[in-house]
Amino acid sequence: MSALEFSKTPPRMDVKFPILGFLMEAEATGYDLKQRFQDPVGFFYRVSDGSIYPALKKLARDGLVKLRTERRGRRARKIYAITPRGRAHFRRMLREPAQPLFVFDESQVKIYFADQEPEIALEHMERTRLDDEARTAILAEMVAEMRRAGASPVRRIVVELGCAIVEAKAKVLARLCAQLRREIQLTRRNGLRIKPSRMAASGR
């Protein structure tokens, strides 16, 4: 199977799985769950606020979570808790293999199509490098805070992995930016033009 073929791989995880994961730890309101997605998990799994409540309704219909209303003065809070069926479902999903990583990176798409304007490609690469360096600093501080707080070593290791990946990417980008900068200067010095891509040359 080609590395780019995903039809036979496990289905992509949807928001219901991490919701159940959070509810395995403690019951929560929809707002509480929104806040939990700002935790370290938010660095490698993004959700929109609008997807949480429909997912909770579906989980409730399927009997995986239960809902109770708690009144505080005039206000009522909807509190969700995982059911025994939900716990069994979560543990079963936890053991299933995850889908291979597939990155949707807009900057790389723009860099790819900037082959005729390498200065623009260089701008995108530099911007991405600076962003990755900033993220590395944030994640490194997060790891340090998790160590100080005695957080779960498994969760800390996940953040450490993310930190190492982003840091490595920033270093590679720094090297590639320097390489592309030299090639641009050499091309200009020799009065050459960047070769057109195969698609551009064929007029497609």
N, C-alpha and C. Protein backbone atom coordinates (compact mmCIF):
# COMPACT_ATOMS: atom_id res chain seq x y z
N MET A 1 0.84 -1.20 0.00
CA MET A 1 0.00 0.00 0.00
C MET A 1 0.87 1.24 0.00
N SER A 2 0.50 2.22 -0.80
CA SER A 2 1.23 3.48 -0.84
C SER A 2 1.15 4.17 0.50
N ALA A 3 2.23 4.93 0.82
CA ALA A 3 2.25 5.67 2.09
C ALA A 3 1.15 6.72 2.14
N LEU A 4 0.62 7.10 0.97
CA LEU A 4 -0.41 8.14 0.94
C LEU A 4 -1.81 7.56 0.88
N GLU A 5 -1.94 6.23 0.91
CA GLU A 5 -3.25 5.61 0.86
C GLU A 5 -3.71 5.32 2.29
N PHE A 6 -4.85 5.87 2.66
CA PHE A 6 -5.33 5.72 4.03
C PHE A 6 -6.67 5.00 4.09
N SER A 7 -7.12 4.45 2.96
CA SER A 7 -8.45 3.85 2.94
C SER A 7 -8.54 2.63 3.84
N LYS A 8 -7.42 1.94 4.07
CA LYS A 8 -7.45 0.72 4.88
C LYS A 8 -6.95 0.96 6.30
N THR A 9 -6.69 2.19 6.64
CA THR A 9 -6.21 2.49 7.98
C THR A 9 -7.39 2.76 8.90
N PRO A 10 -7.18 2.74 10.22
CA PRO A 10 -8.29 2.99 11.14
C PRO A 10 -8.92 4.35 10.87
N PRO A 11 -10.22 4.49 11.17
CA PRO A 11 -10.89 5.78 10.94
C PRO A 11 -10.29 6.87 11.82
N ARG A 12 -10.33 8.09 11.33
CA ARG A 12 -9.77 9.20 12.08
C ARG A 12 -10.59 9.44 13.35
N MET A 13 -9.91 9.71 14.44
CA MET A 13 -10.56 9.94 15.72
C MET A 13 -11.45 11.18 15.66
N ASP A 14 -12.65 11.09 16.25
CA ASP A 14 -13.47 12.29 16.33
C ASP A 14 -13.50 12.78 17.78
N VAL A 15 -14.19 13.89 17.99
CA VAL A 15 -14.12 14.59 19.27
C VAL A 15 -14.72 13.77 20.43
N LYS A 16 -15.55 12.78 20.11
CA LYS A 16 -16.20 12.01 21.18
C LYS A 16 -15.20 11.23 22.02
N PHE A 17 -14.10 10.79 21.40
CA PHE A 17 -13.13 10.00 22.17
C PHE A 17 -12.45 10.83 23.28
N PRO A 18 -11.85 12.00 22.98
CA PRO A 18 -11.27 12.78 24.07
C PRO A 18 -12.31 13.26 25.08
N ILE A 19 -13.55 13.51 24.65
CA ILE A 19 -14.59 13.88 25.61
C ILE A 19 -14.79 12.76 26.62
N LEU A 20 -14.91 11.54 26.13
CA LEU A 20 -15.04 10.40 27.03
C LEU A 20 -13.81 10.27 27.93
N GLY A 21 -12.63 10.55 27.36
CA GLY A 21 -11.40 10.49 28.15
C GLY A 21 -11.42 11.47 29.31
N PHE A 22 -11.87 12.69 29.05
CA PHE A 22 -11.97 13.68 30.13
C PHE A 22 -13.01 13.26 31.17
N LEU A 23 -14.13 12.69 30.70
CA LEU A 23 -15.18 12.28 31.62
C LEU A 23 -14.79 11.03 32.40
N MET A 24 -13.81 10.28 31.92
CA MET A 24 -13.27 9.15 32.70
C MET A 24 -12.63 9.67 33.98
N GLU A 25 -12.14 10.91 33.94
CA GLU A 25 -11.45 11.49 35.10
C GLU A 25 -12.43 12.15 36.07
N ALA A 26 -13.42 12.84 35.52
CA ALA A 26 -14.38 13.54 36.37
C ALA A 26 -15.55 14.01 35.53
N GLU A 27 -16.71 14.15 36.16
CA GLU A 27 -17.86 14.70 35.44
C GLU A 27 -17.58 16.17 35.12
N ALA A 28 -18.31 16.69 34.12
CA ALA A 28 -17.98 18.04 33.66
C ALA A 28 -19.16 18.64 32.93
N THR A 29 -19.19 19.97 32.88
CA THR A 29 -20.14 20.68 32.03
C THR A 29 -19.52 20.85 30.64
N GLY A 30 -20.33 21.31 29.71
CA GLY A 30 -19.78 21.58 28.37
C GLY A 30 -18.69 22.62 28.43
N TYR A 31 -18.88 23.64 29.27
CA TYR A 31 -17.86 24.68 29.42
C TYR A 31 -16.57 24.10 29.99
N ASP A 32 -16.70 23.23 30.99
CA ASP A 32 -15.51 22.58 31.57
C ASP A 32 -14.72 21.84 30.49
N LEU A 33 -15.44 21.15 29.62
CA LEU A 33 -14.78 20.37 28.56
C LEU A 33 -14.07 21.29 27.58
N LYS A 34 -14.68 22.43 27.27
CA LYS A 34 -14.01 23.40 26.40
C LYS A 34 -12.67 23.81 27.00
N GLN A 35 -12.67 24.04 28.30
CA GLN A 35 -11.44 24.44 28.97
C GLN A 35 -10.40 23.32 28.96
N ARG A 36 -10.87 22.09 29.10
CA ARG A 36 -9.93 20.95 29.09
C ARG A 36 -9.21 20.82 27.76
N PHE A 37 -9.89 21.20 26.69
CA PHE A 37 -9.25 21.13 25.38
C PHE A 37 -8.19 22.21 25.18
N GLN A 38 -8.07 23.12 26.16
CA GLN A 38 -6.98 24.09 26.14
C GLN A 38 -5.74 23.54 26.84
N ASP A 39 -5.89 22.38 27.49
CA ASP A 39 -4.77 21.73 28.16
C ASP A 39 -3.74 21.28 27.12
N PRO A 40 -2.68 20.62 27.55
CA PRO A 40 -1.67 20.16 26.58
C PRO A 40 -2.23 19.42 25.37
N VAL A 41 -3.35 18.72 25.53
CA VAL A 41 -3.92 17.99 24.40
C VAL A 41 -4.23 18.93 23.24
N GLY A 42 -4.48 20.21 23.54
CA GLY A 42 -4.79 21.18 22.50
C GLY A 42 -3.66 21.45 21.53
N PHE A 43 -2.44 21.07 21.90
CA PHE A 43 -1.30 21.28 21.01
C PHE A 43 -1.26 20.24 19.88
N PHE A 44 -1.92 19.11 20.08
CA PHE A 44 -1.87 18.10 19.02
C PHE A 44 -3.24 17.57 18.62
N TYR A 45 -4.30 18.14 19.21
CA TYR A 45 -5.65 17.76 18.79
C TYR A 45 -6.55 18.97 18.96
N ARG A 46 -6.97 19.56 17.84
CA ARG A 46 -7.78 20.77 17.88
C ARG A 46 -9.25 20.44 17.64
N VAL A 47 -10.12 21.12 18.38
CA VAL A 47 -11.56 20.98 18.15
C VAL A 47 -12.18 22.37 18.14
N SER A 48 -13.30 22.50 17.45
CA SER A 48 -14.04 23.76 17.49
C SER A 48 -15.04 23.68 18.63
N ASP A 49 -15.31 24.81 19.25
CA ASP A 49 -16.29 24.84 20.34
C ASP A 49 -17.63 24.29 19.90
N GLY A 50 -17.99 24.56 18.64
CA GLY A 50 -19.28 24.13 18.13
C GLY A 50 -19.43 22.63 17.97
N SER A 51 -18.33 21.88 18.05
CA SER A 51 -18.42 20.43 17.87
C SER A 51 -18.64 19.69 19.19
N ILE A 52 -18.43 20.35 20.32
CA ILE A 52 -18.48 19.66 21.61
C ILE A 52 -19.90 19.31 22.01
N TYR A 53 -20.83 20.27 21.92
CA TYR A 53 -22.20 20.01 22.38
C TYR A 53 -22.93 18.99 21.51
N PRO A 54 -22.82 19.03 20.17
CA PRO A 54 -23.43 17.95 19.37
C PRO A 54 -22.86 16.58 19.72
N ALA A 55 -21.56 16.53 20.00
CA ALA A 55 -20.94 15.25 20.37
C ALA A 55 -21.50 14.75 21.70
N LEU A 56 -21.68 15.66 22.66
CA LEU A 56 -22.26 15.27 23.96
C LEU A 56 -23.68 14.74 23.79
N LYS A 57 -24.47 15.38 22.94
CA LYS A 57 -25.84 14.91 22.68
C LYS A 57 -25.83 13.51 22.08
N LYS A 58 -24.91 13.28 21.15
CA LYS A 58 -24.82 11.95 20.51
C LYS A 58 -24.39 10.91 21.54
N LEU A 59 -23.43 11.24 22.38
CA LEU A 59 -22.97 10.32 23.41
C LEU A 59 -24.10 10.00 24.38
N ALA A 60 -24.92 11.01 24.70
CA ALA A 60 -26.05 10.78 25.61
C ALA A 60 -27.09 9.88 24.95
N ARG A 61 -27.38 10.11 23.66
CA ARG A 61 -28.36 9.27 22.95
C ARG A 61 -27.90 7.81 22.91
N ASP A 62 -26.57 7.63 22.78
CA ASP A 62 -26.02 6.28 22.70
C ASP A 62 -25.84 5.63 24.07
N GLY A 63 -26.18 6.36 25.12
CA GLY A 63 -26.07 5.79 26.47
C GLY A 63 -24.65 5.74 27.00
N LEU A 64 -23.74 6.52 26.38
CA LEU A 64 -22.34 6.50 26.82
C LEU A 64 -22.06 7.55 27.89
N VAL A 65 -22.90 8.58 27.94
CA VAL A 65 -22.84 9.56 29.03
C VAL A 65 -24.26 9.81 29.52
N LYS A 66 -24.36 10.32 30.74
CA LYS A 66 -25.66 10.70 31.28
C LYS A 66 -25.59 12.16 31.69
N LEU A 67 -26.74 12.77 31.72
CA LEU A 67 -26.84 14.21 31.98
C LEU A 67 -27.72 14.46 33.19
N ARG A 68 -27.28 15.38 34.03
CA ARG A 68 -28.13 15.84 35.11
C ARG A 68 -28.07 17.37 35.17
N THR A 69 -29.10 17.97 35.66
CA THR A 69 -29.16 19.43 35.77
C THR A 69 -28.97 19.83 37.22
N GLU A 70 -28.08 20.75 37.43
CA GLU A 70 -27.79 21.23 38.79
C GLU A 70 -28.11 22.72 38.85
N ARG A 71 -28.94 23.11 39.80
CA ARG A 71 -29.35 24.52 39.89
C ARG A 71 -28.50 25.26 40.91
N ARG A 72 -28.09 26.46 40.51
CA ARG A 72 -27.39 27.37 41.41
C ARG A 72 -28.09 28.72 41.32
N GLY A 73 -28.98 28.95 42.26
CA GLY A 73 -29.80 30.15 42.19
C GLY A 73 -30.73 30.05 40.99
N ARG A 74 -30.70 31.06 40.16
CA ARG A 74 -31.55 31.05 38.97
C ARG A 74 -30.92 30.32 37.80
N ARG A 75 -29.66 30.00 37.93
CA ARG A 75 -28.95 29.37 36.81
C ARG A 75 -28.94 27.85 36.96
N ALA A 76 -29.01 27.19 35.84
CA ALA A 76 -28.96 25.73 35.82
C ALA A 76 -27.75 25.29 35.00
N ARG A 77 -27.03 24.32 35.53
CA ARG A 77 -25.86 23.78 34.81
C ARG A 77 -26.16 22.35 34.39
N LYS A 78 -25.81 22.04 33.15
CA LYS A 78 -25.92 20.66 32.67
C LYS A 78 -24.58 19.96 32.91
N ILE A 79 -24.62 18.92 33.69
CA ILE A 79 -23.39 18.22 34.06
C ILE A 79 -23.42 16.82 33.44
N TYR A 80 -22.34 16.49 32.76
CA TYR A 80 -22.24 15.20 32.08
C TYR A 80 -21.32 14.25 32.86
N ALA A 81 -21.73 12.98 32.90
CA ALA A 81 -20.92 11.95 33.55
C ALA A 81 -20.90 10.72 32.65
N ILE A 82 -19.81 10.02 32.65
CA ILE A 82 -19.68 8.83 31.81
C ILE A 82 -20.41 7.66 32.47
N THR A 83 -21.02 6.81 31.66
CA THR A 83 -21.74 5.64 32.17
C THR A 83 -20.82 4.42 32.12
N PRO A 84 -21.20 3.33 32.79
CA PRO A 84 -20.39 2.10 32.68
C PRO A 84 -20.22 1.66 31.21
N ARG A 85 -21.28 1.81 30.44
CA ARG A 85 -21.18 1.47 29.01
C ARG A 85 -20.17 2.39 28.32
N GLY A 86 -20.18 3.66 28.71
CA GLY A 86 -19.24 4.61 28.13
C GLY A 86 -17.80 4.28 28.50
N ARG A 87 -17.59 3.85 29.75
CA ARG A 87 -16.24 3.46 30.18
C ARG A 87 -15.73 2.27 29.38
N ALA A 88 -16.61 1.28 29.17
CA ALA A 88 -16.21 0.09 28.39
C ALA A 88 -15.91 0.49 26.95
N HIS A 89 -16.73 1.37 26.39
CA HIS A 89 -16.52 1.83 25.02
C HIS A 89 -15.20 2.59 24.91
N PHE A 90 -14.91 3.45 25.87
CA PHE A 90 -13.67 4.22 25.84
C PHE A 90 -12.46 3.29 25.92
N ARG A 91 -12.49 2.32 26.83
CA ARG A 91 -11.34 1.40 26.96
C ARG A 91 -11.13 0.59 25.69
N ARG A 92 -12.23 0.22 25.03
CA ARG A 92 -12.12 -0.53 23.77
C ARG A 92 -11.48 0.35 22.69
N MET A 93 -11.92 1.59 22.60
CA MET A 93 -11.35 2.50 21.61
C MET A 93 -9.89 2.83 21.91
N LEU A 94 -9.56 2.91 23.20
CA LEU A 94 -8.19 3.23 23.60
C LEU A 94 -7.20 2.19 23.09
N ARG A 95 -7.62 0.95 23.00
CA ARG A 95 -6.74 -0.13 22.56
C ARG A 95 -6.62 -0.23 21.05
N GLU A 96 -7.52 0.41 20.33
CA GLU A 96 -7.47 0.32 18.87
C GLU A 96 -6.29 1.13 18.32
N PRO A 97 -5.68 0.67 17.23
CA PRO A 97 -4.55 1.43 16.66
C PRO A 97 -4.99 2.79 16.14
N ALA A 98 -4.11 3.75 16.28
CA ALA A 98 -4.40 5.10 15.81
C ALA A 98 -4.04 5.22 14.33
N GLN A 99 -4.69 6.16 13.65
CA GLN A 99 -4.39 6.39 12.24
C GLN A 99 -3.00 7.02 12.11
N PRO A 100 -2.23 6.62 11.09
CA PRO A 100 -0.90 7.23 10.88
C PRO A 100 -1.01 8.74 10.74
N LEU A 101 0.03 9.41 11.16
CA LEU A 101 0.04 10.87 11.12
C LEU A 101 -0.02 11.36 9.68
N PHE A 102 -0.93 12.31 9.43
CA PHE A 102 -1.00 12.96 8.13
C PHE A 102 -1.14 14.44 8.40
N VAL A 103 -0.15 15.22 7.99
CA VAL A 103 -0.10 16.63 8.33
C VAL A 103 -0.74 17.47 7.23
N PHE A 104 -1.68 18.32 7.61
CA PHE A 104 -2.25 19.31 6.70
C PHE A 104 -1.57 20.64 7.03
N ASP A 105 -0.56 20.99 6.26
CA ASP A 105 0.26 22.15 6.56
C ASP A 105 0.15 23.15 5.42
N GLU A 106 -0.59 24.24 5.65
CA GLU A 106 -0.79 25.24 4.60
C GLU A 106 0.52 25.87 4.16
N SER A 107 1.42 26.10 5.11
CA SER A 107 2.68 26.76 4.75
C SER A 107 3.49 25.90 3.78
N GLN A 108 3.48 24.58 3.97
CA GLN A 108 4.23 23.71 3.06
C GLN A 108 3.62 23.71 1.67
N VAL A 109 2.29 23.81 1.59
CA VAL A 109 1.63 23.88 0.28
C VAL A 109 2.06 25.16 -0.44
N LYS A 110 2.10 26.28 0.30
CA LYS A 110 2.50 27.55 -0.31
C LYS A 110 3.98 27.53 -0.70
N ILE A 111 4.81 26.92 0.12
CA ILE A 111 6.23 26.81 -0.20
C ILE A 111 6.40 25.99 -1.49
N TYR A 112 5.65 24.92 -1.61
CA TYR A 112 5.74 24.05 -2.79
C TYR A 112 5.43 24.83 -4.07
N PHE A 113 4.40 25.69 -4.01
CA PHE A 113 3.99 26.42 -5.21
C PHE A 113 4.74 27.73 -5.39
N ALA A 114 5.70 28.00 -4.52
CA ALA A 114 6.52 29.21 -4.66
C ALA A 114 7.84 28.89 -5.35
N ASP A 115 7.87 27.82 -6.13
CA ASP A 115 9.14 27.42 -6.76
C ASP A 115 9.64 28.46 -7.75
N GLN A 116 8.72 29.28 -8.31
CA GLN A 116 9.16 30.33 -9.24
C GLN A 116 9.48 31.65 -8.52
N GLU A 117 9.12 31.72 -7.24
CA GLU A 117 9.40 32.91 -6.44
C GLU A 117 9.99 32.45 -5.10
N PRO A 118 11.23 32.00 -5.12
CA PRO A 118 11.83 31.40 -3.93
C PRO A 118 11.91 32.34 -2.73
N GLU A 119 11.93 33.67 -2.98
CA GLU A 119 11.95 34.61 -1.85
C GLU A 119 10.67 34.47 -1.02
N ILE A 120 9.56 34.22 -1.69
CA ILE A 120 8.30 34.03 -0.97
C ILE A 120 8.35 32.72 -0.17
N ALA A 121 8.91 31.68 -0.80
CA ALA A 121 9.08 30.41 -0.08
C ALA A 121 9.92 30.63 1.16
N LEU A 122 10.97 31.41 1.03
CA LEU A 122 11.86 31.69 2.15
C LEU A 122 11.12 32.42 3.28
N GLU A 123 10.25 33.35 2.90
CA GLU A 123 9.47 34.08 3.91
C GLU A 123 8.59 33.12 4.70
N HIS A 124 7.91 32.20 4.00
CA HIS A 124 7.06 31.23 4.68
C HIS A 124 7.89 30.32 5.59
N MET A 125 9.03 29.89 5.11
CA MET A 125 9.89 29.01 5.90
C MET A 125 10.38 29.71 7.17
N GLU A 126 10.80 30.97 7.03
CA GLU A 126 11.27 31.73 8.19
C GLU A 126 10.14 31.95 9.20
N ARG A 127 8.96 32.27 8.69
CA ARG A 127 7.82 32.50 9.57
C ARG A 127 7.48 31.23 10.34
N THR A 128 7.49 30.09 9.64
CA THR A 128 7.21 28.81 10.29
C THR A 128 8.28 28.48 11.32
N ARG A 129 9.54 28.75 10.97
CA ARG A 129 10.64 28.48 11.92
C ARG A 129 10.47 29.28 13.20
N LEU A 130 10.16 30.56 13.08
CA LEU A 130 9.98 31.40 14.26
C LEU A 130 8.80 30.92 15.10
N ASP A 131 7.73 30.52 14.42
CA ASP A 131 6.56 29.99 15.15
C ASP A 131 6.92 28.71 15.89
N ASP A 132 7.68 27.82 15.24
CA ASP A 132 8.08 26.56 15.87
C ASP A 132 9.01 26.81 17.06
N GLU A 133 9.89 27.80 16.94
CA GLU A 133 10.77 28.12 18.06
C GLU A 133 9.97 28.63 19.25
N ALA A 134 8.95 29.45 18.98
CA ALA A 134 8.10 29.96 20.06
C ALA A 134 7.32 28.81 20.71
N ARG A 135 6.81 27.91 19.89
CA ARG A 135 6.06 26.76 20.42
C ARG A 135 6.98 25.85 21.25
N THR A 136 8.20 25.70 20.80
CA THR A 136 9.15 24.89 21.55
C THR A 136 9.35 25.44 22.96
N ALA A 137 9.50 26.75 23.06
CA ALA A 137 9.68 27.38 24.37
C ALA A 137 8.46 27.17 25.26
N ILE A 138 7.27 27.31 24.68
CA ILE A 138 6.03 27.11 25.45
C ILE A 138 5.93 25.68 25.94
N LEU A 139 6.19 24.72 25.05
CA LEU A 139 6.09 23.31 25.42
C LEU A 139 7.15 22.92 26.45
N ALA A 140 8.35 23.46 26.31
CA ALA A 140 9.42 23.16 27.28
C ALA A 140 9.02 23.65 28.67
N GLU A 141 8.44 24.83 28.75
CA GLU A 141 7.97 25.35 30.03
C GLU A 141 6.83 24.51 30.58
N MET A 142 5.97 24.03 29.68
CA MET A 142 4.86 23.18 30.10
C MET A 142 5.39 21.87 30.70
N VAL A 143 6.41 21.29 30.05
CA VAL A 143 7.02 20.06 30.57
C VAL A 143 7.60 20.31 31.96
N ALA A 144 8.30 21.42 32.11
CA ALA A 144 8.90 21.75 33.41
C ALA A 144 7.83 21.91 34.49
N GLU A 145 6.72 22.56 34.14
CA GLU A 145 5.63 22.75 35.09
C GLU A 145 4.99 21.41 35.46
N MET A 146 4.85 20.52 34.46
CA MET A 146 4.28 19.20 34.74
C MET A 146 5.18 18.39 35.66
N ARG A 147 6.49 18.55 35.50
CA ARG A 147 7.43 17.87 36.41
C ARG A 147 7.28 18.41 37.84
N ARG A 148 7.19 19.74 37.95
CA ARG A 148 7.06 20.35 39.27
C ARG A 148 5.76 19.93 39.95
N ALA A 149 4.70 19.78 39.15
CA ALA A 149 3.39 19.44 39.71
C ALA A 149 3.20 17.94 39.91
N GLY A 150 4.18 17.14 39.49
CA GLY A 150 4.06 15.69 39.63
C GLY A 150 2.98 15.11 38.74
N ALA A 151 2.83 15.67 37.55
CA ALA A 151 1.81 15.20 36.61
C ALA A 151 2.10 13.78 36.14
N SER A 152 1.10 13.17 35.55
CA SER A 152 1.25 11.81 35.02
C SER A 152 2.46 11.74 34.08
N PRO A 153 3.37 10.78 34.31
CA PRO A 153 4.54 10.68 33.42
C PRO A 153 4.16 10.39 31.98
N VAL A 154 3.05 9.68 31.76
CA VAL A 154 2.61 9.39 30.40
C VAL A 154 2.22 10.68 29.69
N ARG A 155 1.45 11.52 30.38
CA ARG A 155 1.04 12.78 29.76
C ARG A 155 2.23 13.72 29.57
N ARG A 156 3.14 13.70 30.51
CA ARG A 156 4.33 14.55 30.37
C ARG A 156 5.16 14.10 29.17
N ILE A 157 5.28 12.80 28.97
CA ILE A 157 6.06 12.28 27.86
C ILE A 157 5.43 12.67 26.52
N VAL A 158 4.09 12.70 26.45
CA VAL A 158 3.42 13.12 25.21
C VAL A 158 3.81 14.56 24.88
N VAL A 159 3.82 15.42 25.90
CA VAL A 159 4.19 16.82 25.67
C VAL A 159 5.67 16.92 25.32
N GLU A 160 6.51 16.12 25.98
CA GLU A 160 7.95 16.10 25.66
C GLU A 160 8.17 15.69 24.21
N LEU A 161 7.40 14.71 23.75
CA LEU A 161 7.52 14.26 22.36
C LEU A 161 7.16 15.40 21.41
N GLY A 162 6.05 16.07 21.70
CA GLY A 162 5.65 17.21 20.86
C GLY A 162 6.71 18.28 20.85
N CYS A 163 7.29 18.56 22.01
CA CYS A 163 8.34 19.58 22.12
C CYS A 163 9.55 19.19 21.27
N ALA A 164 9.95 17.92 21.35
CA ALA A 164 11.12 17.46 20.60
C ALA A 164 10.88 17.53 19.09
N ILE A 165 9.65 17.18 18.66
CA ILE A 165 9.33 17.22 17.23
C ILE A 165 9.36 18.65 16.70
N VAL A 166 8.73 19.57 17.44
CA VAL A 166 8.69 20.96 17.00
C VAL A 166 10.08 21.58 17.01
N GLU A 167 10.87 21.24 18.03
CA GLU A 167 12.24 21.76 18.11
C GLU A 167 13.09 21.26 16.95
N ALA A 168 12.97 19.96 16.64
CA ALA A 168 13.72 19.39 15.52
C ALA A 168 13.31 20.03 14.20
N LYS A 169 11.99 20.27 14.03
CA LYS A 169 11.50 20.91 12.80
C LYS A 169 12.08 22.31 12.66
N ALA A 170 12.14 23.06 13.77
CA ALA A 170 12.69 24.42 13.72
C ALA A 170 14.16 24.39 13.32
N LYS A 171 14.92 23.43 13.82
CA LYS A 171 16.34 23.33 13.48
C LYS A 171 16.53 22.96 12.01
N VAL A 172 15.71 22.03 11.51
CA VAL A 172 15.80 21.66 10.10
C VAL A 172 15.44 22.85 9.22
N LEU A 173 14.41 23.59 9.60
CA LEU A 173 14.01 24.76 8.82
C LEU A 173 15.12 25.81 8.80
N ALA A 174 15.81 25.99 9.92
CA ALA A 174 16.92 26.96 9.96
C ALA A 174 17.99 26.56 8.96
N ARG A 175 18.29 25.26 8.90
CA ARG A 175 19.31 24.78 7.95
C ARG A 175 18.84 24.94 6.51
N LEU A 176 17.56 24.61 6.26
CA LEU A 176 17.04 24.71 4.89
C LEU A 176 16.88 26.15 4.44
N CYS A 177 16.56 27.05 5.38
CA CYS A 177 16.48 28.48 5.03
C CYS A 177 17.85 28.99 4.59
N ALA A 178 18.89 28.61 5.33
CA ALA A 178 20.24 29.03 4.97
C ALA A 178 20.64 28.45 3.62
N GLN A 179 20.24 27.20 3.38
CA GLN A 179 20.56 26.55 2.11
C GLN A 179 19.87 27.25 0.95
N LEU A 180 18.57 27.54 1.12
CA LEU A 180 17.82 28.20 0.04
C LEU A 180 18.34 29.61 -0.19
N ARG A 181 18.71 30.29 0.87
CA ARG A 181 19.24 31.66 0.74
C ARG A 181 20.52 31.64 -0.10
N ARG A 182 21.39 30.67 0.15
CA ARG A 182 22.64 30.55 -0.63
C ARG A 182 22.33 30.26 -2.09
N GLU A 183 21.37 29.38 -2.33
CA GLU A 183 21.03 29.01 -3.71
C GLU A 183 20.43 30.20 -4.46
N ILE A 184 19.63 31.00 -3.77
CA ILE A 184 19.05 32.20 -4.40
C ILE A 184 20.18 33.17 -4.78
N GLN A 185 21.12 33.38 -3.86
CA GLN A 185 22.24 34.29 -4.12
C GLN A 185 23.10 33.79 -5.27
N LEU A 186 23.34 32.49 -5.30
CA LEU A 186 24.15 31.91 -6.37
C LEU A 186 23.47 32.07 -7.72
N THR A 187 22.17 31.85 -7.75
CA THR A 187 21.41 31.98 -8.99
C THR A 187 21.47 33.41 -9.50
N ARG A 188 21.31 34.36 -8.60
CA ARG A 188 21.36 35.77 -9.00
C ARG A 188 22.75 36.16 -9.48
N ARG A 189 23.77 35.67 -8.79
CA ARG A 189 25.15 36.01 -9.14
C ARG A 189 25.49 35.52 -10.54
N ASN A 190 24.97 34.35 -10.88
CA ASN A 190 25.27 33.76 -12.18
C ASN A 190 24.30 34.20 -13.27
N GLY A 191 23.33 35.04 -12.89
CA GLY A 191 22.38 35.53 -13.88
C GLY A 191 21.47 34.45 -14.40
N LEU A 192 21.24 33.43 -13.59
CA LEU A 192 20.39 32.32 -14.03
C LEU A 192 18.97 32.52 -13.54
N ARG A 193 18.07 31.75 -14.10
CA ARG A 193 16.68 31.77 -13.66
C ARG A 193 16.36 30.42 -13.06
N ILE A 194 15.40 30.42 -12.12
CA ILE A 194 14.95 29.16 -11.55
C ILE A 194 14.27 28.35 -12.65
N LYS A 195 14.63 27.07 -12.75
CA LYS A 195 14.01 26.23 -13.77
C LYS A 195 12.52 26.11 -13.51
N PRO A 196 11.71 26.23 -14.55
CA PRO A 196 10.27 26.07 -14.34
C PRO A 196 9.94 24.64 -13.97
N SER A 197 8.86 24.50 -13.18
CA SER A 197 8.45 23.15 -12.81
C SER A 197 7.96 22.41 -14.04
N ARG A 198 7.86 21.11 -13.93
CA ARG A 198 7.43 20.28 -15.06
C ARG A 198 6.03 20.66 -15.52
N MET A 199 5.14 20.94 -14.51
CA MET A 199 3.77 21.32 -14.87
C MET A 199 3.74 22.65 -15.60
N ALA A 200 4.54 23.62 -15.09
CA ALA A 200 4.57 24.94 -15.74
C ALA A 200 5.14 24.85 -17.14
N ALA A 201 6.18 24.03 -17.30
CA ALA A 201 6.83 23.89 -18.60
C ALA A 201 5.90 23.25 -19.63
N SER A 202 5.02 22.36 -19.14
CA SER A 202 4.13 21.67 -20.08
C SER A 202 2.89 22.49 -20.40
N GLY A 203 2.74 23.63 -19.67
CA GLY A 203 1.59 24.50 -19.92
C GLY A 203 0.31 23.99 -19.33
N ARG A 204 0.40 23.04 -18.38
CA ARG A 204 -0.81 22.50 -17.76
C ARG A 204 -1.28 23.41 -16.65
